[in-house]
Amino acid sequence: MGSSEVSWKLPDHPKLPKGKTVAVVVLDGWGEAVPNLYNCIHVAQTPAMDALRQTAPEKWRLMRAHGTAVGLPTDDDMGNSEAGHNALGAGRIYAQGAKLVDLAIASGKIYEGEGFKYIKECFESGTLHLIGLLSDGGVHSRIDQLQLLLKGASEHSTKRIRLHILTDGRDVLDGSSVGFVETLENELSELREKGVDAQIASGGGRMYVTMDRYKNDWGVVKRGWDAQVLGESQHKFKSAIEAIKKLREEPNANDQFLPPFVIVDENGKAVGPIVDGDAVVTFNFRADRMVMIAKALEYGDFDEFDRVRFPMIHYAGMLQYDGELKLPSHYLVSPPEIEETSGEYLVIMVSALLLAVRLSSLGMSYFSGMEIDLDISTQKWKMEIPSDSGISFNVKPKTKAEEIAERARNAILSGKFHQVRVKLPNGDMVGHTGDIQATIGACEAADAAVKVILDAVEQVGGIFVVTADHGNAEDMVKRNKKGDPLLDKGGNLQILTSHTLQPVPIAIGGPGLAPGVRCRKDVPD
């Protein structure tokens, strides 16, 4: 929460009327790109979103949702939910996780902080373990930051390093894991030449090992724990390169869902389980998929799964992943202090409802400054709808869009809430699977949900804001510098499963909007 000295009373807006129900709809992964067969939003039938642009173009425009516009290091950095929702919720641009880490490493301050000093206490007799996503996607982690951290740790007296890698294939091209591991192995080879015992100890795909979120499936975290801490897995290999190549030979295998594997020596013994006296760093800078593993590594009182043993370690996150829980208690880089967000104002001053599928709820709450103490509000403000679990999102591309829309409509019509915030996850969740036809269906489901919500706004004489947090579904193929789709060696399309650099729409309207209110045109898209 913000400072108690903050005045939460805002002055009345000179043009926008008070007392009107406001619906804020955030479409996940809905960008604007050139119309073509691989632009699922263009191919899909989306009459509600089309009407917003066509019937009131002065109340519709594009805005950037990537790069420096949302606090990321460069304009080559694709948007993501954390950056997008922080900007939407705060109304200001804060340096995001990746940029904060870049600055801390470049200045050397990362090695001067209490977090690094804490893990360094184990360097003399223990092993430094690094757990995280091996990728250059820039959404959860970046391999160049890992390389610099390895170099810095070796220069600050660590003698033994073990890597526990998670393959991507979601924010980067599927199959790129082999190249990332080769790059990392070269780095580790150079460290070994300098006398540092540095190896990859375990691995697995990000969606199947370690990186679960929102308590959706603790089995994902347990699979990582067994490999990383216990050194146990049915898949044992002499090297990570061998592991990934062999596991990818299995039918329908991809980087996101590779099973856990352990690297063993010539005697079949795991080369790097986490034991008492070791130091552990989770090097992802984005929080959502690190909170669960952080709890397992830090909490003595833990019953989500049988850890078998709980090693006495010094654990630090790259950043602190949960400010409310102060988790982890040690971290290498201080997170941004985002205060006085729209979420805080809403919960304190009015009655507001946040509505999302569980898998997208964090983006609308934690990232928007609404994951706060419920005791300050007399109104129920947050409603999570359980997501489909145990299946890939392309199996049910509608996800829970219809249910979200129905509950949003009921909330708007009830008259109990001044504002109803809704997140529709379809475009992003299904887009990440790379299934073009399913993503088209997902976009149509999201559009139908928008129609239901806007109809309810019309009935109560309210106001709506429809926008997106970043792009994804608008471009589903990897392209060359000319913009043409890339093909693999077999002549097949190289499917793009990541977010994009495309701008996103924002539309305002509703019968409660004062006449003459329109989008500004004097700022760039």
Protein backbone atom coordinates (compact mmCIF):
# COMPACT_ATOMS: atom_id res chain seq x y z
CA MET A 1 0.00 0.00 0.00
CA GLY A 2 1.02 3.58 -0.48
CA SER A 3 1.95 5.93 2.30
CA SER A 4 -0.67 6.65 4.94
CA GLU A 5 0.01 10.34 4.34
CA VAL A 6 -1.33 10.15 0.79
CA SER A 7 -4.60 11.94 0.19
CA TRP A 8 -6.79 9.40 -1.56
CA LYS A 9 -9.39 12.01 -2.48
CA LEU A 10 -9.03 12.96 -6.13
CA PRO A 11 -10.40 16.20 -7.56
CA ASP A 12 -13.37 15.89 -9.89
CA HIS A 13 -12.53 15.68 -13.57
CA PRO A 14 -13.66 18.81 -15.42
CA LYS A 15 -15.33 16.87 -18.24
CA LEU A 16 -15.94 13.28 -17.21
CA PRO A 17 -19.14 12.82 -15.18
CA LYS A 18 -19.24 11.17 -11.77
CA GLY A 19 -21.57 8.40 -10.75
CA LYS A 20 -21.23 6.36 -13.94
CA THR A 21 -20.29 2.68 -13.83
CA VAL A 22 -16.98 2.18 -15.63
CA ALA A 23 -15.97 -1.11 -17.26
CA VAL A 24 -12.27 -1.58 -18.00
CA VAL A 25 -11.60 -4.53 -20.31
CA VAL A 26 -8.04 -5.69 -20.91
CA LEU A 27 -7.53 -8.12 -23.78
CA ASP A 28 -4.47 -10.27 -23.20
CA GLY A 29 -2.17 -10.60 -26.23
CA TRP A 30 -4.25 -8.44 -28.61
CA GLY A 31 -2.08 -6.27 -30.85
CA GLU A 32 -2.49 -4.49 -34.17
CA ALA A 33 -0.53 -5.77 -37.18
CA VAL A 34 -0.73 -5.96 -40.97
CA PRO A 35 -3.72 -8.11 -42.04
CA ASN A 36 -2.63 -11.53 -43.32
CA LEU A 37 -3.36 -15.22 -42.87
CA TYR A 38 -1.19 -15.41 -39.75
CA ASN A 39 -2.83 -12.46 -38.04
CA CYS A 40 -5.39 -14.40 -36.01
CA ILE A 41 -7.20 -11.25 -34.91
CA HIS A 42 -7.65 -10.22 -38.54
CA VAL A 43 -8.80 -13.68 -39.66
CA ALA A 44 -11.18 -14.10 -36.73
CA GLN A 45 -14.71 -12.74 -36.81
CA THR A 46 -14.55 -9.91 -34.28
CA PRO A 47 -17.58 -7.66 -34.83
CA ALA A 48 -17.46 -6.02 -31.40
CA MET A 49 -13.85 -4.88 -31.64
CA ASP A 50 -14.29 -3.93 -35.31
CA ALA A 51 -17.27 -1.73 -34.42
CA LEU A 52 -15.26 0.23 -31.85
CA ARG A 53 -12.89 1.40 -34.55
CA GLN A 54 -15.36 1.78 -37.41
CA THR A 55 -18.28 3.51 -35.69
CA ALA A 56 -16.31 5.91 -33.49
CA PRO A 57 -12.78 6.28 -34.89
CA GLU A 58 -12.19 9.43 -32.85
CA LYS A 59 -12.54 7.32 -29.70
CA TRP A 60 -10.13 4.61 -30.86
CA ARG A 61 -6.38 4.67 -31.35
CA LEU A 62 -3.21 2.62 -30.98
CA MET A 63 -0.62 2.87 -28.24
CA ARG A 64 2.76 1.28 -27.70
CA ALA A 65 2.90 -1.57 -25.19
CA HIS A 66 6.53 -2.64 -25.54
CA GLY A 67 10.03 -1.34 -25.00
CA THR A 68 10.80 1.98 -23.35
CA ALA A 69 7.14 3.03 -23.53
CA VAL A 70 6.41 0.63 -20.66
CA GLY A 71 9.75 0.75 -18.85
CA LEU A 72 11.64 -2.04 -20.61
CA PRO A 73 15.33 -1.58 -21.48
CA THR A 74 15.08 -1.05 -25.25
CA ASP A 75 12.47 -0.84 -28.00
CA ASP A 76 13.58 -4.30 -29.12
CA ASP A 77 12.01 -5.73 -25.94
CA MET A 78 8.55 -7.17 -26.50
CA GLY A 79 5.75 -6.23 -24.18
CA ASN A 80 4.56 -8.47 -21.39
CA SER A 81 1.82 -8.56 -18.77
CA GLU A 82 4.00 -7.27 -15.96
CA ALA A 83 5.13 -4.19 -17.86
CA GLY A 84 1.74 -3.60 -19.47
CA HIS A 85 -0.29 -3.83 -16.29
CA ASN A 86 2.18 -1.84 -14.23
CA ALA A 87 1.87 0.99 -16.76
CA LEU A 88 -1.93 0.68 -16.89
CA GLY A 89 -2.29 0.46 -13.13
CA ALA A 90 0.22 3.15 -12.18
CA GLY A 91 -0.36 5.56 -15.05
CA ARG A 92 3.40 6.08 -15.04
CA ILE A 93 6.45 4.40 -16.51
CA TYR A 94 8.63 2.53 -14.06
CA ALA A 95 11.86 0.71 -14.83
CA GLN A 96 10.81 -2.93 -15.03
CA GLY A 97 12.64 -6.00 -13.78
CA ALA A 98 14.92 -6.47 -16.79
CA LYS A 99 16.05 -2.86 -16.81
CA LEU A 100 16.62 -2.81 -13.06
CA VAL A 101 18.84 -5.89 -13.35
CA ASP A 102 20.73 -4.39 -16.30
CA LEU A 103 21.46 -1.24 -14.29
CA ALA A 104 22.49 -3.16 -11.18
CA ILE A 105 24.89 -5.40 -13.10
CA ALA A 106 26.36 -2.58 -15.19
CA SER A 107 27.04 -0.45 -12.13
CA GLY A 108 28.29 -3.36 -10.04
CA LYS A 109 25.77 -2.55 -7.31
CA ILE A 110 24.33 -6.06 -7.55
CA TYR A 111 27.52 -7.35 -5.91
CA GLU A 112 27.48 -4.69 -3.18
CA GLY A 113 23.95 -5.37 -1.91
CA GLU A 114 22.88 -7.39 1.09
CA GLY A 115 21.43 -10.13 -1.11
CA PHE A 116 24.70 -10.98 -2.82
CA LYS A 117 26.61 -10.70 0.45
CA TYR A 118 24.17 -13.21 1.92
CA ILE A 119 24.74 -15.87 -0.75
CA LYS A 120 28.48 -15.15 -0.82
CA GLU A 121 28.72 -16.49 2.72
CA CYS A 122 28.37 -19.97 1.19
CA PHE A 123 31.00 -19.59 -1.54
CA GLU A 124 33.95 -20.83 0.50
CA SER A 125 32.64 -24.32 1.18
CA GLY A 126 29.34 -24.61 -0.69
CA THR A 127 27.96 -24.54 -4.23
CA LEU A 128 26.19 -21.65 -5.93
CA HIS A 129 23.06 -22.94 -7.69
CA LEU A 130 21.33 -20.82 -10.34
CA ILE A 131 17.74 -21.73 -11.27
CA GLY A 132 15.81 -20.06 -14.07
CA LEU A 133 14.64 -19.76 -17.64
CA LEU A 134 17.37 -20.12 -20.27
CA SER A 135 16.19 -17.70 -22.95
CA ASP A 136 16.78 -14.35 -24.57
CA GLY A 137 13.04 -13.61 -24.69
CA GLY A 138 13.32 -10.86 -22.09
CA VAL A 139 9.94 -11.64 -20.53
CA HIS A 140 11.09 -13.68 -17.54
CA SER A 141 14.86 -13.70 -17.93
CA ARG A 142 17.70 -13.03 -20.35
CA ILE A 143 20.67 -15.25 -21.04
CA ASP A 144 23.06 -12.30 -21.28
CA GLN A 145 22.19 -11.36 -17.69
CA LEU A 146 22.89 -14.95 -16.63
CA GLN A 147 26.25 -14.83 -18.39
CA LEU A 148 27.19 -11.61 -16.61
CA LEU A 149 26.04 -13.04 -13.27
CA LEU A 150 28.20 -16.11 -13.82
CA LYS A 151 31.18 -13.90 -14.61
CA GLY A 152 30.54 -11.68 -11.60
CA ALA A 153 30.08 -14.59 -9.21
CA SER A 154 33.34 -16.16 -10.39
CA GLU A 155 35.11 -12.84 -9.80
CA HIS A 156 33.69 -12.74 -6.28
CA SER A 157 35.23 -16.00 -5.07
CA THR A 158 32.68 -18.66 -5.93
CA LYS A 159 34.44 -21.96 -6.58
CA ARG A 160 31.58 -24.24 -7.60
CA ILE A 161 28.50 -23.41 -9.69
CA ARG A 162 25.59 -25.57 -10.78
CA LEU A 163 22.93 -24.48 -13.29
CA HIS A 164 19.34 -25.77 -13.24
CA ILE A 165 17.97 -24.65 -16.56
CA LEU A 166 14.39 -24.34 -17.78
CA THR A 167 13.86 -24.41 -21.54
CA ASP A 168 11.58 -21.82 -23.12
CA GLY A 169 9.89 -22.27 -26.53
CA ARG A 170 7.13 -19.87 -25.46
CA ASP A 171 8.72 -16.41 -25.51
CA VAL A 172 11.20 -17.60 -28.15
CA LEU A 173 11.12 -20.05 -31.04
CA ASP A 174 10.55 -23.69 -30.15
CA GLY A 175 13.78 -25.64 -30.64
CA SER A 176 16.01 -22.70 -29.74
CA SER A 177 16.87 -24.43 -26.45
CA VAL A 178 19.75 -26.30 -28.08
CA GLY A 179 21.44 -23.09 -29.16
CA PHE A 180 20.99 -21.49 -25.74
CA VAL A 181 22.52 -24.52 -24.02
CA GLU A 182 25.46 -24.51 -26.43
CA THR A 183 26.06 -20.84 -25.62
CA LEU A 184 25.87 -21.56 -21.90
CA GLU A 185 28.18 -24.56 -22.15
CA ASN A 186 30.80 -22.39 -23.86
CA GLU A 187 30.54 -19.93 -20.97
CA LEU A 188 30.90 -22.70 -18.41
CA SER A 189 33.88 -24.14 -20.26
CA GLU A 190 35.66 -20.79 -19.97
CA LEU A 191 34.92 -20.70 -16.25
CA ARG A 192 36.33 -24.20 -15.80
CA GLU A 193 39.53 -23.08 -17.54
CA LYS A 194 39.78 -20.41 -14.83
CA GLY A 195 39.44 -22.97 -12.09
CA VAL A 196 35.72 -22.70 -11.35
CA ASP A 197 33.86 -26.03 -11.20
CA ALA A 198 30.83 -24.96 -13.28
CA GLN A 199 28.28 -27.37 -14.81
CA ILE A 200 24.65 -27.74 -15.77
CA ALA A 201 23.05 -30.04 -13.18
CA SER A 202 19.42 -30.39 -14.26
CA GLY A 203 16.75 -29.08 -16.58
CA GLY A 204 13.24 -29.32 -17.96
CA GLY A 205 10.60 -27.39 -19.86
CA ARG A 206 9.22 -24.23 -18.28
CA MET A 207 5.55 -25.26 -18.44
CA TYR A 208 6.20 -28.70 -16.94
CA VAL A 209 9.02 -28.05 -14.50
CA THR A 210 9.30 -25.42 -11.72
CA MET A 211 7.64 -22.40 -13.36
CA ASP A 212 4.02 -22.80 -12.33
CA ARG A 213 2.05 -19.81 -11.07
CA TYR A 214 -1.00 -18.91 -8.98
CA LYS A 215 -0.92 -22.32 -7.25
CA ASN A 216 -2.34 -23.88 -10.41
CA ASP A 217 -0.33 -27.12 -10.17
CA TRP A 218 2.18 -27.72 -7.41
CA GLY A 219 3.20 -30.87 -9.26
CA VAL A 220 5.12 -28.65 -11.67
CA VAL A 221 7.19 -27.25 -8.82
CA LYS A 222 7.68 -30.69 -7.30
CA ARG A 223 9.10 -32.06 -10.55
CA GLY A 224 11.66 -29.27 -10.45
CA TRP A 225 12.37 -29.83 -6.76
CA ASP A 226 13.03 -33.53 -7.28
CA ALA A 227 15.55 -32.83 -10.04
CA GLN A 228 17.18 -29.71 -8.59
CA VAL A 229 17.27 -30.52 -4.87
CA LEU A 230 17.08 -34.30 -4.69
CA GLY A 231 18.94 -34.98 -7.93
CA GLU A 232 16.27 -37.46 -8.97
CA SER A 233 14.60 -38.03 -12.33
CA GLN A 234 13.83 -40.95 -14.59
CA HIS A 235 15.68 -39.08 -17.34
CA LYS A 236 19.44 -39.11 -16.70
CA PHE A 237 22.05 -37.88 -19.15
CA LYS A 238 25.74 -37.07 -19.30
CA SER A 239 25.13 -33.57 -20.70
CA ALA A 240 22.31 -31.07 -21.15
CA ILE A 241 22.82 -31.02 -24.93
CA GLU A 242 22.32 -34.77 -25.06
CA ALA A 243 19.29 -34.50 -22.77
CA ILE A 244 17.46 -31.90 -24.82
CA LYS A 245 18.19 -33.50 -28.18
CA LYS A 246 17.05 -36.92 -26.98
CA LEU A 247 13.93 -35.66 -25.22
CA ARG A 248 12.93 -33.58 -28.25
CA GLU A 249 12.91 -36.76 -30.35
CA GLU A 250 9.80 -37.93 -28.51
CA PRO A 251 6.47 -37.49 -30.36
CA ASN A 252 4.97 -34.00 -29.94
CA ALA A 253 7.90 -32.89 -27.78
CA ASN A 254 8.62 -29.18 -27.50
CA ASP A 255 10.78 -26.94 -25.37
CA GLN A 256 7.94 -25.74 -23.15
CA PHE A 257 7.00 -29.20 -21.92
CA LEU A 258 10.27 -31.14 -21.78
CA PRO A 259 10.26 -33.53 -18.80
CA PRO A 260 12.73 -33.00 -15.96
CA PHE A 261 16.20 -34.40 -16.44
CA VAL A 262 19.29 -34.75 -14.28
CA ILE A 263 22.93 -34.67 -15.38
CA VAL A 264 24.97 -37.54 -13.90
CA ASP A 265 28.67 -38.42 -13.77
CA GLU A 266 30.35 -41.60 -15.02
CA ASN A 267 29.08 -43.44 -11.95
CA GLY A 268 25.48 -42.40 -12.54
CA LYS A 269 25.49 -39.94 -9.63
CA ALA A 270 23.77 -36.55 -9.96
CA VAL A 271 26.40 -33.84 -10.42
CA GLY A 272 24.64 -31.09 -8.54
CA PRO A 273 21.79 -31.64 -6.08
CA ILE A 274 21.18 -28.75 -3.68
CA VAL A 275 22.44 -29.62 -0.18
CA ASP A 276 23.03 -28.01 3.20
CA GLY A 277 25.44 -25.09 3.07
CA ASP A 278 24.76 -24.19 -0.57
CA ALA A 279 23.61 -20.88 -2.00
CA VAL A 280 20.66 -20.70 -4.42
CA VAL A 281 19.60 -17.87 -6.73
CA THR A 282 16.49 -17.91 -8.89
CA PHE A 283 17.62 -15.62 -11.70
CA ASN A 284 14.27 -14.83 -13.35
CA PHE A 285 13.44 -11.16 -12.90
CA ARG A 286 9.71 -11.55 -13.49
CA ALA A 287 7.81 -12.52 -10.39
CA ASP A 288 4.75 -14.55 -11.28
CA ARG A 289 6.39 -17.87 -12.12
CA MET A 290 8.95 -17.67 -9.31
CA VAL A 291 6.68 -17.22 -6.27
CA MET A 292 5.85 -20.90 -5.86
CA ILE A 293 9.41 -22.20 -6.10
CA ALA A 294 10.49 -19.36 -3.79
CA LYS A 295 8.06 -20.61 -1.15
CA ALA A 296 9.43 -24.14 -1.46
CA LEU A 297 13.02 -22.92 -1.13
CA GLU A 298 12.41 -20.49 1.75
CA TYR A 299 9.57 -21.70 3.97
CA GLY A 300 10.37 -24.19 6.73
CA ASP A 301 6.65 -24.67 7.30
CA PHE A 302 5.55 -25.97 3.91
CA ASP A 303 2.96 -28.64 3.03
CA GLU A 304 2.16 -28.20 -0.67
CA PHE A 305 4.13 -31.36 -1.49
CA ASP A 306 6.60 -33.68 0.22
CA ARG A 307 10.01 -32.09 -0.22
CA VAL A 308 11.64 -35.23 1.29
CA ARG A 309 14.39 -33.02 2.66
CA PHE A 310 14.68 -29.26 3.19
CA PRO A 311 18.30 -28.18 2.79
CA MET A 312 19.67 -25.39 4.97
CA ILE A 313 20.68 -22.95 2.24
CA HIS A 314 21.15 -19.24 1.64
CA TYR A 315 18.49 -18.40 -0.94
CA ALA A 316 18.00 -15.13 -2.85
CA GLY A 317 15.82 -14.14 -5.77
CA MET A 318 16.99 -11.91 -8.56
CA LEU A 319 14.29 -9.56 -7.23
CA GLN A 320 11.77 -9.83 -4.43
CA TYR A 321 8.86 -11.62 -6.08
CA ASP A 322 6.05 -10.83 -3.62
CA GLY A 323 6.11 -7.56 -1.72
CA GLU A 324 3.22 -8.50 0.55
CA LEU A 325 4.81 -11.78 1.64
CA LYS A 326 8.31 -10.26 1.58
CA LEU A 327 9.29 -13.25 -0.53
CA PRO A 328 12.06 -14.05 -0.83
CA SER A 329 13.52 -12.29 2.17
CA HIS A 330 16.83 -11.85 0.35
CA TYR A 331 17.22 -10.61 -3.23
CA LEU A 332 19.97 -9.30 -5.47
CA VAL A 333 18.15 -6.30 -6.98
CA SER A 334 15.59 -4.09 -5.26
CA PRO A 335 12.23 -4.06 -7.06
CA PRO A 336 10.53 -0.84 -8.19
CA GLU A 337 8.46 0.89 -5.53
CA ILE A 338 5.14 1.40 -7.27
CA GLU A 339 2.71 3.37 -5.14
CA GLU A 340 -0.53 5.29 -5.49
CA THR A 341 -1.86 3.03 -8.23
CA SER A 342 -5.35 3.15 -9.64
CA GLY A 343 -6.10 -0.08 -7.80
CA GLU A 344 -5.31 1.48 -4.45
CA TYR A 345 -7.47 4.51 -5.15
CA LEU A 346 -10.35 2.33 -6.31
CA VAL A 347 -10.38 0.01 -3.32
CA ILE A 348 -10.08 2.87 -0.84
CA MET A 349 -12.42 5.40 -2.42
CA VAL A 350 -15.05 3.39 -4.26
CA SER A 351 -16.32 -0.16 -4.68
CA ALA A 352 -14.58 -1.97 -7.51
CA LEU A 353 -14.60 -5.52 -8.82
CA LEU A 354 -11.68 -7.30 -10.44
CA LEU A 355 -12.72 -10.25 -12.59
CA ALA A 356 -10.33 -12.66 -14.27
CA VAL A 357 -9.52 -16.30 -14.87
CA ARG A 358 -7.16 -17.47 -12.16
CA LEU A 359 -4.22 -17.79 -14.56
CA SER A 360 -4.58 -14.12 -15.56
CA SER A 361 -5.65 -12.68 -12.24
CA LEU A 362 -2.15 -11.74 -11.14
CA GLY A 363 -1.74 -9.48 -14.14
CA MET A 364 -4.84 -7.52 -13.16
CA SER A 365 -4.10 -7.40 -9.44
CA TYR A 366 -0.46 -7.86 -8.46
CA PHE A 367 0.87 -5.95 -11.46
CA SER A 368 -1.80 -3.23 -11.23
CA GLY A 369 -1.37 -2.53 -7.55
CA MET A 370 -4.59 -4.24 -6.52
CA GLU A 371 -3.07 -7.21 -4.67
CA ILE A 372 -3.56 -5.49 -1.35
CA ASP A 373 -5.00 -6.07 2.09
CA LEU A 374 -8.69 -6.84 1.68
CA ASP A 375 -9.44 -5.53 5.18
CA ILE A 376 -9.35 -1.95 3.89
CA SER A 377 -12.43 -2.48 1.76
CA THR A 378 -15.96 -3.38 2.78
CA GLN A 379 -16.80 -4.51 -0.73
CA LYS A 380 -15.70 -7.78 -2.28
CA TRP A 381 -13.44 -6.59 -5.06
CA LYS A 382 -11.76 -9.65 -6.53
CA MET A 383 -13.34 -12.63 -8.25
CA GLU A 384 -11.21 -15.41 -9.74
CA ILE A 385 -12.67 -17.98 -12.09
CA PRO A 386 -10.74 -21.29 -11.97
CA SER A 387 -8.94 -21.95 -15.22
CA ASP A 388 -8.97 -25.20 -17.13
CA SER A 389 -6.14 -27.30 -15.73
CA GLY A 390 -4.34 -30.36 -16.99
CA ILE A 391 -4.78 -29.45 -20.67
CA SER A 392 -3.09 -27.20 -23.18
CA PHE A 393 -5.04 -24.00 -23.81
CA ASN A 394 -5.54 -24.76 -27.51
CA VAL A 395 -7.76 -27.70 -26.52
CA LYS A 396 -10.34 -25.26 -25.11
CA PRO A 397 -9.53 -21.93 -26.78
CA LYS A 398 -12.62 -20.22 -25.40
CA THR A 399 -11.07 -20.73 -21.93
CA LYS A 400 -13.58 -19.12 -19.54
CA ALA A 401 -14.39 -16.04 -21.63
CA GLU A 402 -18.13 -16.67 -21.61
CA GLU A 403 -18.23 -17.10 -17.85
CA ILE A 404 -16.09 -14.00 -17.32
CA ALA A 405 -18.44 -11.98 -19.53
CA GLU A 406 -21.55 -13.24 -17.73
CA ARG A 407 -20.19 -12.39 -14.32
CA ALA A 408 -18.99 -8.99 -15.51
CA ARG A 409 -22.41 -8.28 -16.98
CA ASN A 410 -24.11 -9.26 -13.72
CA ALA A 411 -21.75 -7.10 -11.71
CA ILE A 412 -22.36 -4.08 -13.96
CA LEU A 413 -26.13 -4.52 -13.90
CA SER A 414 -26.16 -4.99 -10.11
CA GLY A 415 -25.25 -1.35 -9.52
CA LYS A 416 -22.96 -2.37 -6.65
CA PHE A 417 -19.68 -1.40 -8.27
CA HIS A 418 -18.34 1.91 -9.52
CA GLN A 419 -15.79 0.11 -11.65
CA VAL A 420 -15.54 -3.43 -13.01
CA ARG A 421 -12.13 -4.52 -14.31
CA VAL A 422 -12.00 -7.52 -16.59
CA LYS A 423 -9.14 -9.43 -18.17
CA LEU A 424 -9.81 -11.74 -21.11
CA PRO A 425 -6.80 -14.09 -21.47
CA ASN A 426 -7.70 -15.93 -24.68
CA GLY A 427 -5.44 -14.30 -27.25
CA ASP A 428 -2.31 -14.70 -25.18
CA MET A 429 -2.88 -18.04 -23.47
CA VAL A 430 -3.85 -19.78 -26.70
CA GLY A 431 -1.43 -17.78 -28.83
CA HIS A 432 1.44 -19.17 -26.78
CA THR A 433 0.54 -22.68 -27.93
CA GLY A 434 1.30 -21.78 -31.56
CA ASP A 435 -1.98 -23.28 -32.75
CA ILE A 436 -3.24 -20.82 -35.36
CA GLN A 437 -6.74 -22.20 -35.76
CA ALA A 438 -7.26 -22.41 -32.02
CA THR A 439 -5.99 -18.86 -31.61
CA ILE A 440 -8.50 -17.64 -34.18
CA GLY A 441 -11.24 -19.27 -32.12
CA ALA A 442 -9.80 -17.72 -28.97
CA CYS A 443 -9.99 -14.24 -30.49
CA GLU A 444 -13.60 -14.80 -31.49
CA ALA A 445 -14.45 -15.91 -27.96
CA ALA A 446 -12.79 -12.83 -26.48
CA ASP A 447 -14.66 -10.58 -28.91
CA ALA A 448 -17.98 -12.17 -27.99
CA ALA A 449 -17.20 -11.51 -24.33
CA VAL A 450 -16.45 -7.86 -25.08
CA LYS A 451 -19.87 -7.57 -26.74
CA VAL A 452 -21.65 -8.92 -23.64
CA ILE A 453 -19.82 -6.49 -21.36
CA LEU A 454 -20.39 -3.46 -23.57
CA ASP A 455 -24.09 -4.29 -23.87
CA ALA A 456 -24.31 -4.21 -20.08
CA VAL A 457 -22.53 -0.85 -20.00
CA GLU A 458 -25.08 0.45 -22.49
CA GLN A 459 -27.95 -0.71 -20.30
CA VAL A 460 -26.72 1.18 -17.21
CA GLY A 461 -25.62 4.31 -19.06
CA GLY A 462 -22.00 3.67 -18.16
CA ILE A 463 -18.55 4.18 -19.65
CA PHE A 464 -16.13 1.62 -21.08
CA VAL A 465 -12.41 1.45 -21.73
CA VAL A 466 -11.22 -1.45 -23.87
CA THR A 467 -7.51 -2.01 -24.35
CA ALA A 468 -4.76 -4.67 -24.24
CA ASP A 469 -1.60 -5.28 -22.25
CA HIS A 470 0.65 -6.40 -25.15
CA GLY A 471 0.54 -8.15 -28.51
CA ASN A 472 0.63 -11.84 -29.42
CA ALA A 473 -2.25 -13.23 -31.49
CA GLU A 474 -1.82 -10.68 -34.29
CA ASP A 475 1.31 -12.38 -35.63
CA MET A 476 1.83 -16.12 -35.33
CA VAL A 477 4.84 -16.69 -37.58
CA LYS A 478 8.51 -15.82 -37.36
CA ARG A 479 9.58 -13.44 -40.13
CA ASN A 480 12.73 -12.40 -41.95
CA LYS A 481 13.92 -8.81 -42.23
CA LYS A 482 11.62 -8.25 -45.21
CA GLY A 483 8.62 -9.37 -43.20
CA ASP A 484 8.13 -12.65 -45.04
CA PRO A 485 7.28 -15.81 -43.05
CA LEU A 486 10.28 -18.00 -42.28
CA LEU A 487 10.33 -21.71 -43.11
CA ASP A 488 12.33 -24.45 -41.43
CA LYS A 489 14.53 -26.95 -43.28
CA GLY A 490 11.49 -29.10 -44.00
CA GLY A 491 9.62 -26.22 -45.62
CA ASN A 492 7.26 -25.79 -42.68
CA LEU A 493 6.27 -22.46 -41.19
CA GLN A 494 8.26 -21.37 -38.17
CA ILE A 495 5.46 -20.67 -35.70
CA LEU A 496 5.83 -17.70 -33.38
CA THR A 497 4.56 -18.33 -29.86
CA SER A 498 5.92 -15.21 -28.19
CA HIS A 499 4.63 -11.73 -27.51
CA THR A 500 5.29 -9.07 -30.15
CA LEU A 501 6.47 -5.50 -30.65
CA GLN A 502 3.13 -4.41 -32.07
CA PRO A 503 0.99 -1.58 -30.66
CA VAL A 504 -2.32 -2.32 -28.97
CA PRO A 505 -5.72 -0.64 -29.33
CA ILE A 506 -7.50 1.49 -26.80
CA ALA A 507 -11.15 2.45 -27.23
CA ILE A 508 -13.40 4.57 -25.02
CA GLY A 509 -17.14 5.01 -25.16
CA GLY A 510 -20.51 4.32 -23.63
CA PRO A 511 -23.60 6.49 -23.08
CA GLY A 512 -22.13 7.92 -19.89
CA LEU A 513 -19.16 9.47 -21.68
CA ALA A 514 -19.49 13.22 -21.99
CA PRO A 515 -20.04 14.58 -25.53
CA GLY A 516 -16.87 15.59 -27.29
CA VAL A 517 -14.51 13.34 -25.33
CA ARG A 518 -12.13 11.64 -27.72
CA CYS A 519 -8.66 10.11 -27.92
CA ARG A 520 -5.72 12.44 -28.27
CA LYS A 521 -4.03 12.39 -31.64
CA ASP A 522 -0.98 14.48 -30.73
CA VAL A 523 0.98 11.61 -29.20
CA PRO A 524 2.64 8.85 -31.25
CA ASP A 525 1.23 5.33 -31.53
